[in-house]
Amino acid sequence: VQLQASGGGLVQAGGSLRLSCETSRRTLSTYNMGWFRQPPGKEREFVAAMTWTGYRQNYADSVRGRFTISRNNAKNTLYLQMSKLQPEDTAVYYCAVTGSFSLTSINEYNYWGQGTLVTVSS
């Protein structure tokens, strides 16, 4: 399983960014996928996830209403649209894959992308 995350960068508070996670058609159509982040000096935490069917999505309370997870099957890509970004959203963001239906548990994810850095300035 290969995951290629991109789209990070520097943005001002209140701004938006869209992260992408490119993978294979098989991965996107077989596994549940999620986004996690690791703020500086902190542990990695759950952000958002969706089932391979796309029918179920989960969000961390801290991002619900601001972030949206989605997918484009034709492009074999998972997205994380982030809006109303705040300095506390600064982190390295990772996409990951799980065969479990426990979408929020980091321990259930088996494969990880390399991470993309999002920096939100105040």
C-alpha atoms as a PDB file:
ATOM      1  CA  VAL A   1       0.000   0.000   0.000  1.00  0.00           C
ATOM      2  CA  GLN A   2       1.454   3.322  -1.058  1.00  0.00           C
ATOM      3  CA  LEU A   3       0.177   6.659   0.178  1.00  0.00           C
ATOM      4  CA  GLN A   4       1.481   9.997  -1.086  1.00  0.00           C
ATOM      5  CA  ALA A   5       0.294  13.012   0.912  1.00  0.00           C
ATOM      6  CA  SER A   6       0.648  16.549  -0.377  1.00  0.00           C
ATOM      7  CA  GLY A   7      -0.883  20.000  -0.162  1.00  0.00           C
ATOM      8  CA  GLY A   8       0.572  21.303   3.061  1.00  0.00           C
ATOM      9  CA  GLY A   9       1.983  24.779   3.408  1.00  0.00           C
ATOM     10  CA  LEU A  10       1.876  28.063   5.253  1.00  0.00           C
ATOM     11  CA  VAL A  11      -1.481  29.786   5.636  1.00  0.00           C
ATOM     12  CA  GLN A  12      -2.836  32.625   7.734  1.00  0.00           C
ATOM     13  CA  ALA A  13      -5.418  32.028  10.422  1.00  0.00           C
ATOM     14  CA  GLY A  14      -8.876  31.879   8.901  1.00  0.00           C
ATOM     15  CA  GLY A  15      -7.546  30.538   5.625  1.00  0.00           C
ATOM     16  CA  SER A  16      -8.055  27.254   3.835  1.00  0.00           C
ATOM     17  CA  LEU A  17      -5.977  24.409   2.462  1.00  0.00           C
ATOM     18  CA  ARG A  18      -6.761  21.140   0.748  1.00  0.00           C
ATOM     19  CA  LEU A  19      -4.618  18.119   1.453  1.00  0.00           C
ATOM     20  CA  SER A  20      -4.424  15.233  -0.980  1.00  0.00           C
ATOM     21  CA  CYS A  21      -3.474  11.615  -0.460  1.00  0.00           C
ATOM     22  CA  GLU A  22      -2.811   9.780  -3.674  1.00  0.00           C
ATOM     23  CA  THR A  23      -3.023   6.020  -3.603  1.00  0.00           C
ATOM     24  CA  SER A  24      -4.036   3.102  -5.754  1.00  0.00           C
ATOM     25  CA  ARG A  25      -7.514   2.273  -6.978  1.00  0.00           C
ATOM     26  CA  ARG A  26      -7.421  -0.968  -5.041  1.00  0.00           C
ATOM     27  CA  THR A  27      -6.562   0.774  -1.785  1.00  0.00           C
ATOM     28  CA  LEU A  28      -9.245   3.408  -2.161  1.00  0.00           C
ATOM     29  CA  SER A  29     -11.908   0.822  -2.977  1.00  0.00           C
ATOM     30  CA  THR A  30     -10.881  -1.724  -0.356  1.00  0.00           C
ATOM     31  CA  TYR A  31      -9.761   0.054   2.792  1.00  0.00           C
ATOM     32  CA  ASN A  32     -11.115   2.634   5.149  1.00  0.00           C
ATOM     33  CA  MET A  33      -8.928   5.708   5.170  1.00  0.00           C
ATOM     34  CA  GLY A  34      -8.210   8.508   7.545  1.00  0.00           C
ATOM     35  CA  TRP A  35      -6.270  11.632   8.303  1.00  0.00           C
ATOM     36  CA  PHE A  36      -4.224  12.125  11.440  1.00  0.00           C
ATOM     37  CA  ARG A  37      -2.007  14.964  12.573  1.00  0.00           C
ATOM     38  CA  GLN A  38       0.918  15.456  14.894  1.00  0.00           C
ATOM     39  CA  PRO A  39       1.331  18.946  16.330  1.00  0.00           C
ATOM     40  CA  PRO A  40       4.853  20.012  17.362  1.00  0.00           C
ATOM     41  CA  GLY A  41       5.860  18.267  20.564  1.00  0.00           C
ATOM     42  CA  LYS A  42       2.624  16.332  20.815  1.00  0.00           C
ATOM     43  CA  GLU A  43       1.346  12.886  19.992  1.00  0.00           C
ATOM     44  CA  ARG A  44      -0.327  11.976  16.746  1.00  0.00           C
ATOM     45  CA  GLU A  45      -4.102  12.413  16.865  1.00  0.00           C
ATOM     46  CA  PHE A  46      -7.134  11.510  14.849  1.00  0.00           C
ATOM     47  CA  VAL A  47      -8.598  14.140  12.511  1.00  0.00           C
ATOM     48  CA  ALA A  48     -11.069  12.531  10.107  1.00  0.00           C
ATOM     49  CA  ALA A  49     -11.824   9.231   8.405  1.00  0.00           C
ATOM     50  CA  MET A  50     -14.232   7.603   6.022  1.00  0.00           C
ATOM     51  CA  THR A  51     -15.173   4.075   5.104  1.00  0.00           C
ATOM     52  CA  TRP A  52     -14.216   2.670   1.726  1.00  0.00           C
ATOM     53  CA  THR A  53     -17.855   2.935   0.690  1.00  0.00           C
ATOM     54  CA  GLY A  54     -17.841   6.609   1.563  1.00  0.00           C
ATOM     55  CA  TYR A  55     -21.063   6.174   3.517  1.00  0.00           C
ATOM     56  CA  ARG A  56     -19.613   6.774   6.984  1.00  0.00           C
ATOM     57  CA  GLN A  57     -17.398   9.606   8.083  1.00  0.00           C
ATOM     58  CA  ASN A  58     -15.956  10.494  11.467  1.00  0.00           C
ATOM     59  CA  TYR A  59     -14.422  13.749  12.613  1.00  0.00           C
ATOM     60  CA  ALA A  60     -12.548  14.865  15.681  1.00  0.00           C
ATOM     61  CA  ASP A  61     -14.540  17.364  17.713  1.00  0.00           C
ATOM     62  CA  SER A  62     -11.835  19.958  17.176  1.00  0.00           C
ATOM     63  CA  VAL A  63     -12.295  19.977  13.389  1.00  0.00           C
ATOM     64  CA  ARG A  64     -15.944  19.085  12.898  1.00  0.00           C
ATOM     65  CA  GLY A  65     -17.651  21.759  10.845  1.00  0.00           C
ATOM     66  CA  ARG A  66     -14.328  23.118   9.536  1.00  0.00           C
ATOM     67  CA  PHE A  67     -12.744  20.115   7.840  1.00  0.00           C
ATOM     68  CA  THR A  68     -14.256  17.808   5.243  1.00  0.00           C
ATOM     69  CA  ILE A  69     -12.931  14.437   4.151  1.00  0.00           C
ATOM     70  CA  SER A  70     -13.751  13.303   0.649  1.00  0.00           C
ATOM     71  CA  ARG A  71     -12.473  11.140  -2.174  1.00  0.00           C
ATOM     72  CA  ASN A  72     -12.214  11.154  -5.939  1.00  0.00           C
ATOM     73  CA  ASN A  73     -12.284   7.591  -7.190  1.00  0.00           C
ATOM     74  CA  ALA A  74     -11.334   8.615 -10.718  1.00  0.00           C
ATOM     75  CA  LYS A  75      -8.132  10.187  -9.404  1.00  0.00           C
ATOM     76  CA  ASN A  76      -7.489   7.545  -6.711  1.00  0.00           C
ATOM     77  CA  THR A  77      -7.175  10.352  -4.206  1.00  0.00           C
ATOM     78  CA  LEU A  78      -8.407  11.079  -0.686  1.00  0.00           C
ATOM     79  CA  TYR A  79      -8.778  14.715   0.312  1.00  0.00           C
ATOM     80  CA  LEU A  80      -8.995  16.779   3.443  1.00  0.00           C
ATOM     81  CA  GLN A  81     -10.487  20.201   2.864  1.00  0.00           C
ATOM     82  CA  MET A  82      -9.551  22.438   5.750  1.00  0.00           C
ATOM     83  CA  SER A  83     -11.171  25.814   6.331  1.00  0.00           C
ATOM     84  CA  LYS A  84     -11.176  28.402   9.092  1.00  0.00           C
ATOM     85  CA  LEU A  85      -7.697  27.220  10.014  1.00  0.00           C
ATOM     86  CA  GLN A  86      -6.309  28.223  13.376  1.00  0.00           C
ATOM     87  CA  PRO A  87      -2.752  28.201  14.759  1.00  0.00           C
ATOM     88  CA  GLU A  88      -3.634  25.113  16.797  1.00  0.00           C
ATOM     89  CA  ASP A  89      -4.173  23.247  13.522  1.00  0.00           C
ATOM     90  CA  THR A  90      -0.436  23.500  12.863  1.00  0.00           C
ATOM     91  CA  ALA A  91       0.868  19.965  12.524  1.00  0.00           C
ATOM     92  CA  VAL A  92       2.245  17.343  10.213  1.00  0.00           C
ATOM     93  CA  TYR A  93      -0.764  15.699   8.597  1.00  0.00           C
ATOM     94  CA  TYR A  94      -0.739  12.029   7.659  1.00  0.00           C
ATOM     95  CA  CYS A  95      -3.094   9.895   5.636  1.00  0.00           C
ATOM     96  CA  ALA A  96      -3.452   6.283   6.654  1.00  0.00           C
ATOM     97  CA  VAL A  97      -5.261   3.078   5.851  1.00  0.00           C
ATOM     98  CA  THR A  98      -7.107   0.605   8.043  1.00  0.00           C
ATOM     99  CA  GLY A  99      -8.982  -2.616   7.524  1.00  0.00           C
ATOM    100  CA  SER A 100     -10.876  -1.976  10.736  1.00  0.00           C
ATOM    101  CA  PHE A 101     -14.201  -0.215  11.182  1.00  0.00           C
ATOM    102  CA  SER A 102     -12.780   1.504  14.237  1.00  0.00           C
ATOM    103  CA  LEU A 103     -12.006   4.611  12.255  1.00  0.00           C
ATOM    104  CA  THR A 104     -10.811   6.813  15.094  1.00  0.00           C
ATOM    105  CA  SER A 105      -8.298   4.461  16.685  1.00  0.00           C
ATOM    106  CA  ILE A 106      -4.734   5.176  15.603  1.00  0.00           C
ATOM    107  CA  ASN A 107      -3.686   1.669  16.580  1.00  0.00           C
ATOM    108  CA  GLU A 108      -5.990   0.186  13.935  1.00  0.00           C
ATOM    109  CA  TYR A 109      -4.180   1.865  11.041  1.00  0.00           C
ATOM    110  CA  ASN A 110      -1.650  -0.294   9.256  1.00  0.00           C
ATOM    111  CA  TYR A 111      -0.187   1.881   6.520  1.00  0.00           C
ATOM    112  CA  TRP A 112       0.876   5.517   6.657  1.00  0.00           C
ATOM    113  CA  GLY A 113       1.878   8.172   4.186  1.00  0.00           C
ATOM    114  CA  GLN A 114       4.951  10.323   4.711  1.00  0.00           C
ATOM    115  CA  GLY A 115       3.152  13.374   6.109  1.00  0.00           C
ATOM    116  CA  THR A 116       2.713  16.931   4.908  1.00  0.00           C
ATOM    117  CA  LEU A 117       3.335  19.992   7.073  1.00  0.00           C
ATOM    118  CA  VAL A 118       0.590  22.553   7.658  1.00  0.00           C
ATOM    119  CA  THR A 119       1.597  25.769   9.386  1.00  0.00           C
ATOM    120  CA  VAL A 120      -1.044  28.284  10.382  1.00  0.00           C
ATOM    121  CA  SER A 121       0.211  31.730  11.330  1.00  0.00           C
ATOM    122  CA  SER A 122      -1.712  34.041  13.650  1.00  0.00           C
END
